[in-house]
Protein backbone atom coordinates (compact mmCIF):
# COMPACT_ATOMS: atom_id res chain seq x y z
CA ARG A 1 34.59 17.47 40.26
CA GLU A 2 31.88 18.45 42.78
CA SER A 3 33.16 22.03 42.74
CA GLU A 4 32.85 22.10 38.93
CA ILE A 5 29.26 20.87 39.16
CA ALA A 6 28.49 23.57 41.73
CA GLU A 7 29.95 26.24 39.43
CA ILE A 8 27.87 24.99 36.49
CA GLU A 9 24.72 25.02 38.65
CA ALA A 10 25.48 28.52 39.94
CA TYR A 11 25.98 29.75 36.37
CA ALA A 12 22.59 28.34 35.33
CA VAL A 13 20.49 29.35 38.36
CA GLY A 14 22.57 32.15 39.89
CA HIS A 15 23.95 32.83 43.34
CA GLY A 16 20.87 34.71 44.56
CA SER A 17 23.01 37.39 46.19
CA LEU A 18 25.02 40.53 45.52
CA SER A 19 28.04 38.86 47.12
CA ASN A 20 30.93 38.72 44.64
CA ALA A 21 28.68 39.95 41.82
CA PRO A 22 30.53 41.79 39.06
CA GLY A 23 29.53 45.41 38.48
CA ILE A 24 26.64 45.62 40.93
CA ASN A 25 27.33 44.68 44.53
CA ALA A 26 27.17 46.21 48.00
CA SER A 27 30.22 48.43 47.38
CA THR A 28 29.06 49.82 44.05
CA LEU A 29 25.54 50.34 45.37
CA LYS A 30 26.83 52.26 48.41
CA ALA A 31 28.83 54.47 46.04
CA LYS A 32 25.54 55.30 44.26
CA GLY A 33 23.78 56.25 47.53
CA PHE A 34 22.18 52.98 48.64
CA THR A 35 22.12 52.47 52.41
CA ASP A 36 22.89 49.26 54.30
CA GLU A 37 19.16 48.92 55.02
CA ALA A 38 18.30 49.22 51.31
CA ILE A 39 20.97 46.68 50.39
CA ALA A 40 19.53 44.28 52.99
CA LYS A 41 16.07 44.72 51.42
CA VAL A 42 17.30 43.88 47.94
CA GLU A 43 19.35 40.93 49.22
CA LYS A 44 16.11 39.54 50.65
CA ALA A 45 14.35 39.94 47.28
CA LEU A 46 17.12 38.53 45.05
CA PRO A 47 16.85 34.78 45.78
CA THR A 48 13.41 34.64 44.16
CA ALA A 49 14.00 37.16 41.36
CA PHE A 50 14.11 35.93 37.77
CA ASP A 51 15.95 39.14 36.82
CA ILE A 52 17.67 41.67 39.08
CA LYS A 53 15.48 44.45 37.67
CA PHE A 54 12.54 42.71 39.38
CA ALA A 55 14.24 43.31 42.74
CA PHE A 56 15.52 46.83 42.07
CA ASN A 57 12.20 48.67 42.05
CA LYS A 58 9.91 50.92 44.05
CA TRP A 59 8.22 47.96 45.73
CA THR A 60 11.49 46.74 47.21
CA PHE A 61 12.84 50.12 48.33
CA GLY A 62 9.78 52.34 48.55
CA GLU A 63 9.23 55.50 46.54
CA ASP A 64 10.36 57.71 49.43
CA PHE A 65 13.82 56.09 49.48
CA ILE A 66 14.24 56.33 45.71
CA ARG A 67 13.09 59.95 45.66
CA ASP A 68 14.70 61.26 48.86
CA GLN A 69 17.87 59.18 49.15
CA LEU A 70 18.70 58.61 45.48
CA GLY A 71 17.30 61.93 44.23
CA ILE A 72 15.08 60.51 41.49
CA GLY A 73 11.90 62.42 40.67
CA ALA A 74 8.42 60.97 41.21
CA GLU A 75 7.61 61.29 37.50
CA ALA A 76 10.62 59.15 36.53
CA ILE A 77 9.76 56.56 39.19
CA ALA A 78 6.18 56.30 37.88
CA ALA A 79 7.22 55.93 34.23
CA PRO A 80 6.30 52.51 32.75
CA GLY A 81 9.86 51.76 31.59
CA PHE A 82 11.60 53.00 34.74
CA ASP A 83 14.90 51.17 35.25
CA LEU A 84 16.39 52.01 38.65
CA LEU A 85 19.79 50.49 37.92
CA GLN A 86 20.28 52.44 34.68
CA THR A 87 18.91 55.61 36.26
CA VAL A 88 21.53 55.53 39.04
CA GLY A 89 24.26 55.06 36.44
CA PHE A 90 24.92 51.36 35.90
CA THR A 91 25.60 50.38 32.28
CA LYS A 92 23.71 47.70 30.40
CA ARG A 93 26.88 45.58 30.44
CA GLU A 94 27.22 45.90 34.23
CA ILE A 95 23.55 45.05 34.73
CA GLU A 96 23.73 41.99 32.49
CA ALA A 97 26.93 40.67 34.11
CA ALA A 98 25.45 41.09 37.59
CA ASN A 99 22.18 39.56 36.43
CA VAL A 100 23.86 36.37 35.18
CA HIS A 101 25.82 36.08 38.43
CA ILE A 102 22.84 36.76 40.70
CA CYS A 103 19.86 35.30 38.82
CA GLY A 104 21.64 32.87 36.52
CA ALA A 105 21.86 32.47 32.77
CA MET A 106 18.92 30.00 32.75
CA THR A 107 21.01 27.78 30.49
CA VAL A 108 24.22 25.76 30.71
CA GLU A 109 25.54 27.18 27.44
CA GLY A 110 28.57 29.27 28.34
CA ALA A 111 28.92 27.68 31.78
CA PRO A 112 32.39 27.15 33.19
CA HIS A 113 33.88 23.67 32.67
CA LEU A 114 31.44 22.75 29.88
CA LYS A 115 32.60 22.38 26.30
CA ALA A 116 30.40 22.74 23.23
CA GLU A 117 30.56 18.97 22.75
CA HIS A 118 28.81 18.55 26.13
CA TYR A 119 25.79 20.65 25.12
CA PRO A 120 23.82 17.89 23.31
CA VAL A 121 23.38 16.07 26.64
CA PHE A 122 21.43 19.10 27.89
CA ASP A 123 19.62 19.84 24.63
CA CYS A 124 15.88 20.39 24.79
CA ALA A 125 13.21 21.45 22.31
CA ASN A 126 13.14 25.08 23.45
CA PRO A 127 15.94 27.59 23.90
CA CYS A 128 16.54 28.49 27.54
CA GLY A 129 17.49 31.87 28.94
CA LYS A 130 18.62 34.85 26.92
CA ILE A 131 21.66 33.08 25.47
CA GLY A 132 20.53 29.44 25.33
């Protein structure tokens, strides 16, 4: 029972780490050119990120790393809608799956071990998260 509660909590608030994340994790990042040092930097930023895109940016890695190591041009990096994860080749589906695992769904709807009949206990006036 305690393990089920922990899984529900982790679904709602995330694991705060790349460890065991689907789609985007240390292995898949290394395959895209990220170094161990860069992965350590993002791991440090993830526990306080509301969305993984807030951790995967030029402020976490530095423009030099993104330009020189990942081969992304300065103009792309400076663009207002720059998305590092999509630019290096991750799909929207991979990003969203990793985001829920790392940063949480911000809702209990869809959490493991909960049934739809349990949702009214958690109901509030405002929808929570992207799916709540």
